[in-house]
Every structure is written in C-alpha cells, then in structure tokens.
Amino acid sequence: MIADIKKVGTNYQAIFSRKLLHSVEDVWTMFTENEKLKQWFDELCVGKLREGGYFKLRI
C-alpha cells in the first residue's frame, strides 16, 4: 500500500488507497471501533470521529 503524503499547514496528511473485498459496513466498523481496529492495525487508535478528527499512530 502506498500513501500520498503532503504538508497541510504545520501538519502532514497521509492518504492511503486500497480496494478491500469487504462490505462498507464491515470496513467502517474496523476503522471506527478500537477493539476491532487492533485486530488489523494494533498501532492505530481512533480519536475523534468528525471532520477535522484524527487517528493516533503509536510508533
């Protein structure tokens, strides 16, 4: 998977594109529920789910 990374103000934005063979509902659940997200990407944590919200990446 390749990310398009660009600087936005004083922050950086990474956009990942990938086709998944799952329903939209299943993918949304995996990205919005931290317990399920850990099964796929343990270092990522959902922050605020709103415009301007965030995910946290623990590295």
Foldseek 3Di string as FASTA:
>chain_A
DDWDWDDDPPRIDTDDDDDDPDDPVVVVCCVADLVNVCVPQVQWAFFDPDVVGDIGGHD
